Amino acid sequence: MKMADAKQKRNEQLKRWIGSETDLEPPVVKRQKTKVKFDDGAVFLAACSSGDTDEVLKLLHRGADINYANVDGLTALHQACIDDNVDMVKFLVENGANINQPDNEGWIPLHAAASCGYLDIAEFLIGHGAHVGAVNSEGDTPLDIAEEEAMEELLQNEVNRQGSVKAV
């Protein structure tokens, strides 16, 4: 086939195309929407970390697990203790968070508060049933890992009151 014949055939195709049903269809750009979906637990932990109690309540009402733990076993309550967020600690406990849930290393939230020296959080946790005698995977109680004198005194007094572990 000669080049001129090919051009003529193509021109005939184009003439038939113009005004055809296919030609009149609007162009459709098929894009696949990419959706990022976060694990519900991760969304819950993020809302707690941000201190957004309204969002946390919405998530709880939609079935979020208040005791959800990340891969390290940390719950929102652990994280609130680490972050010195006493308001979130109170909010989570008042909404049913397990005050004595251990992480993967056996630390309960009181261990975290004790190691960070957050006296107000430790007092709140103890007042709401935190086990001062809880032992982590290293065999340490919150008293064993406390470094500040006021924290040691608080924990020792509670140990003496509860009689749950021997004084060190």
Protein backbone atom coordinates (compact mmCIF):
# COMPACT_ATOMS: atom_id res chain seq x y z
CA MET A 1 0.00 0.00 0.00
CA LYS A 2 1.29 3.38 -0.93
CA MET A 3 1.56 6.25 1.49
CA ALA A 4 -1.12 8.21 -0.38
CA ASP A 5 -3.56 5.30 -0.11
CA ALA A 6 -2.93 5.03 3.63
CA LYS A 7 -3.54 8.76 4.13
CA GLN A 8 -6.75 8.59 2.13
CA LYS A 9 -8.04 5.63 4.20
CA ARG A 10 -7.19 7.49 7.40
CA ASN A 11 -9.05 10.60 6.20
CA GLU A 12 -12.11 8.46 5.43
CA GLN A 13 -11.94 6.97 8.96
CA LEU A 14 -11.75 10.44 10.49
CA LYS A 15 -14.76 11.61 8.44
CA ARG A 16 -16.80 8.65 9.65
CA TRP A 17 -15.63 9.34 13.22
CA ILE A 18 -16.71 12.99 13.30
CA GLY A 19 -20.26 13.11 14.62
CA SER A 20 -20.38 9.42 15.51
CA GLU A 21 -21.79 8.30 18.89
CA THR A 22 -18.31 7.58 20.13
CA ASP A 23 -17.10 11.02 19.07
CA LEU A 24 -20.01 12.68 20.89
CA GLU A 25 -19.28 10.91 24.20
CA PRO A 26 -17.55 13.18 26.69
CA PRO A 27 -14.00 12.14 27.38
CA VAL A 28 -13.76 10.05 30.50
CA VAL A 29 -10.60 10.22 32.47
CA LYS A 30 -10.46 7.10 34.51
CA ARG A 31 -8.54 7.82 37.63
CA GLN A 32 -8.38 5.43 40.40
CA LYS A 33 -8.95 7.22 43.63
CA THR A 34 -6.38 6.34 46.16
CA LYS A 35 -7.77 6.17 49.63
CA VAL A 36 -5.62 6.07 52.68
CA LYS A 37 -7.31 4.06 55.39
CA PHE A 38 -5.88 4.13 58.87
CA ASP A 39 -6.54 1.41 61.38
CA ASP A 40 -9.37 2.48 63.72
CA GLY A 41 -7.10 1.97 66.71
CA ALA A 42 -4.43 4.21 65.24
CA VAL A 43 -7.04 6.92 64.65
CA PHE A 44 -8.20 6.55 68.25
CA LEU A 45 -4.63 6.81 69.62
CA ALA A 46 -3.97 9.87 67.47
CA ALA A 47 -7.14 11.59 68.68
CA CYS A 48 -6.16 10.89 72.29
CA SER A 49 -2.61 12.15 71.73
CA SER A 50 -3.96 15.35 70.23
CA GLY A 51 -6.14 15.87 73.32
CA ASP A 52 -9.32 16.09 71.22
CA THR A 53 -11.85 14.71 73.73
CA ASP A 54 -14.81 15.47 71.41
CA GLU A 55 -13.27 13.33 68.67
CA VAL A 56 -12.33 10.64 71.19
CA LEU A 57 -15.94 10.51 72.43
CA LYS A 58 -17.21 10.23 68.85
CA LEU A 59 -14.81 7.36 68.21
CA LEU A 60 -15.86 5.63 71.44
CA HIS A 61 -19.52 5.97 70.49
CA ARG A 62 -18.69 4.41 67.11
CA GLY A 63 -17.15 1.42 68.87
CA ALA A 64 -13.48 2.33 69.33
CA ASP A 65 -11.69 0.23 71.93
CA ILE A 66 -10.55 2.51 74.75
CA ASN A 67 -7.90 -0.08 75.63
CA TYR A 68 -6.55 -0.46 72.08
CA ALA A 69 -2.80 -0.99 72.16
CA ASN A 70 -0.23 -0.25 69.47
CA VAL A 71 2.46 -2.76 68.43
CA ASP A 72 4.40 -2.00 71.63
CA GLY A 73 1.35 -2.61 73.77
CA LEU A 74 0.97 1.07 74.61
CA THR A 75 -2.58 2.25 75.16
CA ALA A 76 -3.87 5.80 74.99
CA LEU A 77 -3.66 5.85 78.80
CA HIS A 78 0.03 4.88 78.72
CA GLN A 79 0.67 7.62 76.15
CA ALA A 80 -1.25 10.26 78.12
CA CYS A 81 0.89 9.39 81.16
CA ILE A 82 4.10 9.67 79.12
CA ASP A 83 2.93 12.98 77.62
CA ASP A 84 2.04 14.43 81.07
CA ASN A 85 -1.51 15.00 79.85
CA VAL A 86 -3.39 14.76 83.14
CA ASP A 87 -6.66 15.88 81.54
CA MET A 88 -6.55 13.01 79.03
CA VAL A 89 -5.54 10.58 81.79
CA LYS A 90 -8.61 11.59 83.79
CA PHE A 91 -10.86 11.50 80.71
CA LEU A 92 -9.71 8.00 79.72
CA VAL A 93 -10.02 6.57 83.24
CA GLU A 94 -13.45 8.13 83.71
CA ASN A 95 -14.51 6.55 80.41
CA GLY A 96 -13.40 3.05 81.37
CA ALA A 97 -9.75 2.70 80.38
CA ASN A 98 -8.03 -0.25 82.06
CA ILE A 99 -5.80 1.47 84.58
CA ASN A 100 -3.65 -1.64 85.07
CA GLN A 101 -3.23 -2.83 81.47
CA PRO A 102 0.41 -3.74 80.88
CA ASP A 103 2.31 -2.94 77.70
CA ASN A 104 4.62 -5.47 76.01
CA GLU A 105 7.26 -4.86 78.69
CA GLY A 106 4.79 -5.28 81.54
CA TRP A 107 4.62 -1.57 82.33
CA ILE A 108 1.26 -0.33 83.52
CA PRO A 109 0.46 3.38 83.19
CA LEU A 110 1.67 3.94 86.79
CA HIS A 111 5.14 2.72 85.77
CA ALA A 112 5.15 5.39 83.04
CA ALA A 113 4.02 8.17 85.39
CA ALA A 114 6.54 7.06 88.03
CA SER A 115 9.48 6.92 85.63
CA CYS A 116 8.62 10.37 84.24
CA GLY A 117 8.09 11.87 87.68
CA TYR A 118 4.51 13.01 87.05
CA LEU A 119 3.26 13.12 90.63
CA ASP A 120 -0.25 14.42 89.87
CA ILE A 121 -0.86 11.61 87.39
CA ALA A 122 0.55 8.98 89.75
CA GLU A 123 -1.69 10.24 92.57
CA PHE A 124 -4.73 10.12 90.28
CA LEU A 125 -3.91 6.59 89.07
CA ILE A 126 -3.35 5.32 92.60
CA GLY A 127 -6.60 6.96 93.71
CA HIS A 128 -8.38 5.03 90.95
CA GLY A 129 -6.95 1.61 91.70
CA ALA A 130 -3.53 1.42 90.04
CA HIS A 131 -1.53 -1.49 91.44
CA VAL A 132 1.59 -0.11 93.10
CA GLY A 133 2.90 -3.66 93.33
CA ALA A 134 2.70 -4.31 89.57
CA VAL A 135 5.94 -5.84 88.32
CA ASN A 136 7.21 -5.26 84.79
CA SER A 137 9.24 -7.73 82.70
CA GLU A 138 12.45 -6.55 84.41
CA GLY A 139 10.93 -7.31 87.81
CA ASP A 140 10.55 -3.62 88.70
CA THR A 141 7.62 -2.03 90.46
CA PRO A 142 6.75 1.64 89.86
CA LEU A 143 8.65 2.43 93.09
CA ASP A 144 11.77 0.72 91.72
CA ILE A 145 11.88 2.95 88.66
CA ALA A 146 10.88 6.22 90.36
CA GLU A 147 13.76 8.70 90.42
CA GLU A 148 12.32 11.75 92.12
CA GLU A 149 12.07 11.86 95.89
CA ALA A 150 8.44 13.04 95.97
CA MET A 151 7.44 10.17 93.67
CA GLU A 152 9.35 7.63 95.75
CA GLU A 153 7.66 8.94 98.89
CA LEU A 154 4.18 8.78 97.33
CA LEU A 155 4.71 5.23 96.08
CA GLN A 156 6.36 4.01 99.30
CA ASN A 157 3.47 5.39 101.36
CA GLU A 158 1.00 3.60 99.11
CA VAL A 159 3.02 0.37 99.28
CA ASN A 160 2.98 0.63 103.08
CA ARG A 161 -0.77 1.37 103.06
CA GLN A 162 -1.61 -1.49 100.70
CA GLY A 163 1.04 -3.85 102.04
CA SER A 164 1.38 -5.10 98.47
CA VAL A 165 5.16 -5.22 98.19
CA LYS A 166 8.03 -5.02 100.63
CA ALA A 167 9.77 -1.69 101.10
CA VAL A 168 13.05 -1.44 99.24
